[in-house]
Amino acid sequence: MRKPSFDEFEDAIRKTGGNLSQTAGLLGVTRQTIHNWIREDEQFKAVVQDSRKKLFDQCLDAARIVALGVPHVDPSTGHIIGWKEKPDGQMLRYLLSTLGRDEGFGESVNVNLENPMPTVINIVRDPDVKRD
């Protein structure tokens, strides 16, 4: 098959949600051909990157719902009276540790190897042990 126009390629990417194998099937080419087009054409590359960023945004939306849960709100008071879906503490912790690094959340430790702290080993002798 000939290389599709940009509009044809963009339409195929949108229809498949950016899945390159499905896009190749839709256009009647191999997955490698899709990769070649992306490498050779900046517009094709940009539409694939945009599709992947949209998928990432959708994943963040889903992760947000999992982390925060779906509350059951009393319509008369506006207070949470239960949960349709309970919050997931593990997902919340993960999101804070990855997305919240600039805000001081995270689990990383900075190690300075250029000026390491001196190592001190304290030796404690047992007075009851006889030594030669």
Protein backbone atom coordinates (compact mmCIF):
# COMPACT_ATOMS: atom_id res chain seq x y z
CA MET A 1 0.00 0.00 0.00
CA ARG A 2 1.09 3.54 -0.66
CA LYS A 3 1.86 5.83 2.23
CA PRO A 4 -1.43 7.41 3.34
CA SER A 5 -1.99 11.14 3.44
CA PHE A 6 -1.55 12.81 6.79
CA ASP A 7 -5.34 13.08 7.20
CA GLU A 8 -5.80 9.36 6.46
CA PHE A 9 -3.06 8.42 8.92
CA GLU A 10 -4.43 10.74 11.60
CA ASP A 11 -7.91 9.29 11.14
CA ALA A 12 -6.57 5.73 11.50
CA ILE A 13 -4.61 6.65 14.64
CA ARG A 14 -7.71 8.27 16.18
CA LYS A 15 -9.92 5.26 15.33
CA THR A 16 -7.49 2.84 16.99
CA GLY A 17 -6.66 5.01 19.99
CA GLY A 18 -3.02 5.10 18.94
CA ASN A 19 -2.54 1.33 18.91
CA LEU A 20 0.08 0.85 16.19
CA SER A 21 -0.75 -2.81 15.52
CA GLN A 22 -4.41 -1.97 14.99
CA THR A 23 -3.48 1.07 12.89
CA ALA A 24 -1.31 -1.14 10.69
CA GLY A 25 -4.17 -3.61 10.28
CA LEU A 26 -6.59 -0.82 9.39
CA LEU A 27 -4.20 0.55 6.76
CA GLY A 28 -3.24 -2.90 5.44
CA VAL A 29 0.48 -2.64 6.27
CA THR A 30 2.86 -4.13 8.79
CA ARG A 31 3.63 -2.58 12.14
CA GLN A 32 7.21 -2.02 10.96
CA THR A 33 5.88 0.07 8.07
CA ILE A 34 4.06 2.29 10.57
CA HIS A 35 7.33 2.69 12.52
CA ASN A 36 9.16 3.62 9.31
CA TRP A 37 6.57 6.27 8.48
CA ILE A 38 6.82 7.71 12.01
CA ARG A 39 10.62 7.84 11.78
CA GLU A 40 10.55 9.51 8.34
CA ASP A 41 7.66 11.98 8.81
CA GLU A 42 7.53 14.47 11.68
CA GLN A 43 3.77 15.01 11.23
CA PHE A 44 3.09 11.28 11.55
CA LYS A 45 5.34 11.17 14.62
CA ALA A 46 3.52 14.13 16.18
CA VAL A 47 0.07 12.57 15.75
CA VAL A 48 1.25 9.34 17.39
CA GLN A 49 2.80 11.27 20.30
CA ASP A 50 -0.39 13.29 20.71
CA SER A 51 -2.44 10.09 20.78
CA ARG A 52 -0.18 8.63 23.48
CA LYS A 53 -0.42 11.80 25.57
CA LYS A 54 -4.21 11.62 25.38
CA LEU A 55 -4.08 8.00 26.53
CA PHE A 56 -1.82 9.04 29.41
CA ASP A 57 -4.34 11.72 30.40
CA GLN A 58 -7.12 9.11 30.39
CA CYS A 59 -5.00 6.84 32.58
CA LEU A 60 -4.43 9.70 35.02
CA ASP A 61 -8.19 10.30 35.14
CA ALA A 62 -8.78 6.62 35.96
CA ALA A 63 -5.97 6.59 38.55
CA ARG A 64 -7.48 9.66 40.19
CA ILE A 65 -10.83 7.91 40.56
CA VAL A 66 -9.14 4.79 41.98
CA ALA A 67 -7.04 6.86 44.42
CA LEU A 68 -9.80 9.16 45.65
CA GLY A 69 -12.76 6.81 45.32
CA VAL A 70 -16.30 7.67 44.36
CA PRO A 71 -18.23 9.04 47.33
CA HIS A 72 -21.94 8.58 47.92
CA VAL A 73 -23.10 12.09 48.84
CA ASP A 74 -26.29 12.90 50.72
CA PRO A 75 -28.09 15.29 48.35
CA SER A 76 -29.77 17.19 51.18
CA THR A 77 -26.61 17.90 53.22
CA GLY A 78 -23.80 17.50 50.70
CA HIS A 79 -21.94 15.27 53.16
CA ILE A 80 -20.30 11.98 52.25
CA ILE A 81 -22.40 9.16 53.72
CA GLY A 82 -20.58 6.25 52.16
CA TRP A 83 -18.70 5.10 49.11
CA LYS A 84 -19.77 3.83 45.72
CA GLU A 85 -16.08 2.96 45.26
CA LYS A 86 -13.72 3.18 48.24
CA PRO A 87 -10.45 5.11 47.86
CA ASP A 88 -7.37 2.99 47.27
CA GLY A 89 -4.59 3.99 49.64
CA GLN A 90 -1.90 2.25 47.60
CA MET A 91 -2.85 4.18 44.46
CA LEU A 92 -3.00 7.41 46.42
CA ARG A 93 0.46 6.77 47.85
CA TYR A 94 1.82 5.92 44.40
CA LEU A 95 0.42 9.09 42.83
CA LEU A 96 1.76 11.25 45.65
CA SER A 97 5.21 9.64 45.48
CA THR A 98 5.47 10.10 41.70
CA LEU A 99 3.46 13.20 40.84
CA GLY A 100 4.05 14.95 44.16
CA ARG A 101 7.85 14.95 44.16
CA ASP A 102 8.03 18.70 43.56
CA GLU A 103 5.75 19.20 46.57
CA GLY A 104 7.98 17.23 48.92
CA PHE A 105 6.36 13.82 48.61
CA GLY A 106 8.37 10.83 47.50
CA GLU A 107 10.57 8.03 48.62
CA SER A 108 13.88 8.91 47.02
CA VAL A 109 17.08 9.51 48.96
CA ASN A 110 19.84 11.74 47.63
CA VAL A 111 23.27 10.19 48.00
CA ASN A 112 26.37 12.35 47.62
CA LEU A 113 29.31 10.16 46.62
CA GLU A 114 31.70 13.04 45.98
CA ASN A 115 32.07 13.96 49.67
CA PRO A 116 31.06 10.88 51.63
CA MET A 117 30.67 11.11 55.36
CA PRO A 118 33.55 9.54 57.29
CA THR A 119 32.87 6.02 58.41
CA VAL A 120 33.25 5.45 62.14
CA ILE A 121 33.30 1.96 63.58
CA ASN A 122 33.00 1.75 67.34
CA ILE A 123 34.64 -1.33 68.81
CA VAL A 124 33.19 -2.51 72.07
CA ARG A 125 35.23 -4.99 74.07
CA ASP A 126 33.62 -7.44 76.41
CA PRO A 127 35.72 -7.39 79.63
CA ASP A 128 34.67 -10.95 80.45
CA VAL A 129 36.22 -12.39 77.27
CA LYS A 130 39.86 -13.47 77.66
CA ARG A 131 42.15 -12.50 74.81
CA ASP A 132 45.61 -13.88 74.01
